[in-house]
């Protein structure tokens, strides 16, 4: 059911504790990603280039919101921010390696194990 049917559903009746605020920010991040998925799905399902372009632009704005919310989360939880950054660096390092060295235990594409 759409949330718009109850305009007060997002109202919080009290101040959030630090832990509740962190969980709320994580839920907000999920909501932004859900919006991205929806806008992109709608854009991909139309032939109208004007609508397609507008929906992809809206999806891009939602992605910026994800970044803003992640930054807020990292501000509140510096260790989590460091862990996110470490995860990004691991991927960058893996992608910088030649393909056959990045994943030495994987078979090369199109190679069938014997």
Protein backbone atom coordinates (compact mmCIF):
# COMPACT_ATOMS: atom_id res chain seq x y z
CA UNK A 1 0.00 0.00 0.00
CA UNK A 2 1.31 3.42 -0.88
CA UNK A 3 2.47 5.55 2.02
CA UNK A 4 0.76 8.60 0.54
CA UNK A 5 -2.56 7.33 1.84
CA UNK A 6 -1.37 8.29 5.33
CA UNK A 7 0.55 11.59 5.22
CA UNK A 8 1.59 11.19 8.87
CA UNK A 9 3.17 7.75 8.55
CA UNK A 10 6.72 9.15 8.55
CA UNK A 11 6.16 11.37 11.59
CA UNK A 12 8.26 10.32 14.56
CA UNK A 13 6.58 10.90 17.90
CA UNK A 14 9.83 11.30 19.84
CA UNK A 15 13.46 12.23 19.47
CA UNK A 16 15.47 9.33 18.11
CA UNK A 17 18.23 7.84 20.20
CA UNK A 18 21.64 7.68 18.51
CA UNK A 19 21.09 3.99 17.69
CA UNK A 20 17.61 4.68 16.31
CA UNK A 21 18.95 7.52 14.17
CA UNK A 22 21.59 5.21 12.70
CA UNK A 23 18.94 2.61 11.87
CA UNK A 24 16.70 5.33 10.39
CA UNK A 25 19.55 6.51 8.14
CA UNK A 26 20.15 2.95 6.98
CA UNK A 27 16.44 2.59 6.21
CA UNK A 28 16.59 5.89 4.31
CA UNK A 29 19.50 4.56 2.23
CA UNK A 30 17.47 1.47 1.38
CA UNK A 31 14.54 3.69 0.41
CA UNK A 32 16.73 5.75 -1.91
CA UNK A 33 18.02 2.59 -3.62
CA UNK A 34 14.45 1.33 -4.00
CA UNK A 35 13.56 4.63 -5.67
CA UNK A 36 16.54 4.28 -8.04
CA UNK A 37 15.42 0.79 -9.01
CA UNK A 38 11.88 2.00 -9.65
CA UNK A 39 12.84 5.06 -11.71
CA UNK A 40 15.34 3.11 -13.80
CA UNK A 41 12.86 0.30 -14.38
CA UNK A 42 10.25 2.78 -15.55
CA UNK A 43 12.78 4.54 -17.77
CA UNK A 44 13.81 1.26 -19.37
CA UNK A 45 10.21 0.31 -20.04
CA UNK A 46 9.25 3.37 -22.06
CA UNK A 47 9.98 4.35 -25.65
CA UNK A 48 9.34 8.04 -24.94
CA UNK A 49 12.86 9.50 -24.91
CA UNK A 50 11.75 12.61 -22.99
CA UNK A 51 10.32 10.53 -20.17
CA UNK A 52 13.25 8.10 -20.27
CA UNK A 53 15.77 10.93 -19.95
CA UNK A 54 13.83 12.60 -17.12
CA UNK A 55 13.49 9.35 -15.15
CA UNK A 56 17.19 8.53 -15.47
CA UNK A 57 17.99 12.07 -14.26
CA UNK A 58 15.69 11.60 -11.26
CA UNK A 59 17.38 8.25 -10.52
CA UNK A 60 20.75 10.01 -10.57
CA UNK A 61 19.48 12.50 -7.97
CA UNK A 62 18.45 9.60 -5.74
CA UNK A 63 21.97 8.19 -6.06
CA UNK A 64 23.33 11.52 -4.79
CA UNK A 65 21.00 11.19 -1.82
CA UNK A 66 22.52 7.77 -1.09
CA UNK A 67 25.95 9.39 -0.97
CA UNK A 68 24.72 12.14 1.32
CA UNK A 69 23.09 9.65 3.68
CA UNK A 70 26.18 7.43 3.70
CA UNK A 71 28.27 10.47 4.61
CA UNK A 72 25.92 11.25 7.50
CA UNK A 73 26.21 7.65 8.65
CA UNK A 74 30.02 7.80 8.43
CA UNK A 75 29.97 11.03 10.45
CA UNK A 76 27.98 9.34 13.21
CA UNK A 77 29.95 6.08 12.98
CA UNK A 78 33.53 6.85 11.94
CA UNK A 79 34.54 3.17 12.16
CA UNK A 80 31.77 2.23 9.74
CA UNK A 81 32.90 4.97 7.39
CA UNK A 82 36.43 3.56 7.53
CA UNK A 83 35.12 0.07 6.81
CA UNK A 84 33.18 1.32 3.78
CA UNK A 85 36.29 3.06 2.51
CA UNK A 86 38.38 -0.08 3.05
CA UNK A 87 35.83 -2.09 1.06
CA UNK A 88 36.06 0.38 -1.80
CA UNK A 89 39.85 0.19 -1.77
CA UNK A 90 39.78 -3.63 -1.90
CA UNK A 91 37.65 -3.52 -5.04
CA UNK A 92 39.80 -0.82 -6.64
CA UNK A 93 42.88 -2.91 -5.96
CA UNK A 94 41.29 -6.04 -7.40
CA UNK A 95 40.09 -4.24 -10.50
CA UNK A 96 43.54 -2.73 -11.07
CA UNK A 97 45.07 -6.20 -11.39
CA UNK A 98 45.12 -8.02 -14.71
CA UNK A 99 41.99 -10.13 -14.97
CA UNK A 100 43.71 -13.49 -14.60
CA UNK A 101 45.58 -12.29 -11.49
CA UNK A 102 42.65 -10.56 -9.78
CA UNK A 103 40.93 -13.87 -9.07
CA UNK A 104 43.62 -16.56 -9.28
CA UNK A 105 41.28 -19.36 -8.17
CA UNK A 106 38.69 -18.62 -10.82
CA UNK A 107 38.66 -20.17 -14.25
CA UNK A 108 39.17 -17.72 -17.07
CA UNK A 109 35.97 -16.72 -18.88
CA UNK A 110 34.81 -19.32 -21.37
CA UNK A 111 37.18 -21.88 -19.89
CA UNK A 112 35.46 -25.10 -18.90
CA UNK A 113 37.07 -27.00 -16.00
CA UNK A 114 38.17 -30.58 -16.76
